[in-house]
């Protein structure tokens, strides 16, 4: 699958393109006002996953070797979180 980030998140900035696969047996029902994570383009056009504050929840298992900027962004996000 190919997807594009439609919201800024710990994994990707808006417009970032990624490759990955989905594996799930459930259906996500978004609450009103939910911010989607990805715009999916194949085989059908739809949104997938959700972003809220520092959380990025998605069934899309991104292939980081195909999008190393996603891995870098995630590590940078983690480093910016203060230690407790």
Protein backbone atom coordinates (compact mmCIF):
# COMPACT_ATOMS: atom_id res chain seq x y z
CA UNK A 1 0.00 0.00 0.00
CA UNK A 2 0.98 3.58 -0.54
CA UNK A 3 -0.20 6.36 1.74
CA UNK A 4 0.33 10.05 2.33
CA UNK A 5 0.25 11.75 5.74
CA UNK A 6 -2.79 14.02 5.93
CA UNK A 7 -1.94 15.28 9.46
CA UNK A 8 1.29 16.07 11.28
CA UNK A 9 2.19 13.30 13.75
CA UNK A 10 5.21 11.82 15.55
CA UNK A 11 5.78 9.68 12.43
CA UNK A 12 5.22 12.01 9.51
CA UNK A 13 4.69 15.60 8.43
CA UNK A 14 1.74 16.41 6.20
CA UNK A 15 2.51 15.29 2.65
CA UNK A 16 5.02 12.56 3.59
CA UNK A 17 4.56 9.52 1.34
CA UNK A 18 5.09 6.04 2.76
CA UNK A 19 4.80 2.39 1.81
CA UNK A 20 3.47 -0.28 4.10
CA UNK A 21 0.93 -3.02 4.60
CA UNK A 22 -2.23 -3.40 6.65
CA UNK A 23 -3.13 -6.40 8.72
CA UNK A 24 -6.32 -6.20 10.74
CA UNK A 25 -9.55 -7.96 11.48
CA UNK A 26 -11.45 -5.08 13.03
CA UNK A 27 -12.97 -1.85 11.82
CA UNK A 28 -12.17 1.58 13.24
CA UNK A 29 -15.17 3.85 13.78
CA UNK A 30 -13.91 7.43 14.18
CA UNK A 31 -15.47 9.76 16.72
CA UNK A 32 -16.69 13.13 15.52
CA UNK A 33 -13.81 15.54 14.98
CA UNK A 34 -11.17 12.80 14.74
CA UNK A 35 -8.02 13.74 12.82
CA UNK A 36 -7.00 11.08 10.24
CA UNK A 37 -3.38 9.92 9.98
CA UNK A 38 -3.06 8.66 6.40
CA UNK A 39 -4.73 9.13 3.05
CA UNK A 40 -4.78 5.76 1.28
CA UNK A 41 -4.84 5.65 -2.51
CA UNK A 42 -4.84 1.99 -3.56
CA UNK A 43 -6.95 -0.02 -4.05
CA UNK A 44 -9.52 2.58 -2.91
CA UNK A 45 -9.26 6.18 -1.73
CA UNK A 46 -9.94 6.54 1.99
CA UNK A 47 -8.40 7.76 5.24
CA UNK A 48 -6.81 5.41 7.76
CA UNK A 49 -5.62 5.77 11.33
CA UNK A 50 -5.86 8.69 13.70
CA UNK A 51 -3.64 11.38 15.21
CA UNK A 52 -4.17 13.15 18.52
CA UNK A 53 -1.49 15.11 20.35
CA UNK A 54 1.56 12.81 20.48
CA UNK A 55 -0.34 9.66 19.48
CA UNK A 56 -0.36 8.17 15.99
CA UNK A 57 -2.66 5.11 15.80
CA UNK A 58 -2.92 3.16 12.57
CA UNK A 59 -3.24 -0.29 11.05
CA UNK A 60 -0.67 0.72 8.42
CA UNK A 61 2.65 -0.98 9.18
CA UNK A 62 5.05 1.44 7.53
CA UNK A 63 8.15 0.16 5.75
CA UNK A 64 10.82 2.41 7.24
CA UNK A 65 13.54 1.30 4.82
CA UNK A 66 11.42 2.81 2.03
CA UNK A 67 10.87 6.03 4.06
CA UNK A 68 13.87 6.60 6.35
CA UNK A 69 12.62 10.11 7.16
CA UNK A 70 9.75 8.48 9.08
CA UNK A 71 12.17 6.64 11.37
CA UNK A 72 14.26 9.79 11.85
CA UNK A 73 11.21 11.89 12.70
CA UNK A 74 9.99 9.30 15.23
CA UNK A 75 13.39 9.15 16.97
CA UNK A 76 13.58 12.97 17.06
CA UNK A 77 10.08 13.10 18.54
CA UNK A 78 11.05 10.58 21.25
CA UNK A 79 14.25 12.49 22.09
CA UNK A 80 12.26 15.70 22.55
CA UNK A 81 10.09 14.15 25.29
CA UNK A 82 11.43 15.11 28.73
CA UNK A 83 12.63 12.23 30.91
CA UNK A 84 10.44 11.48 33.91
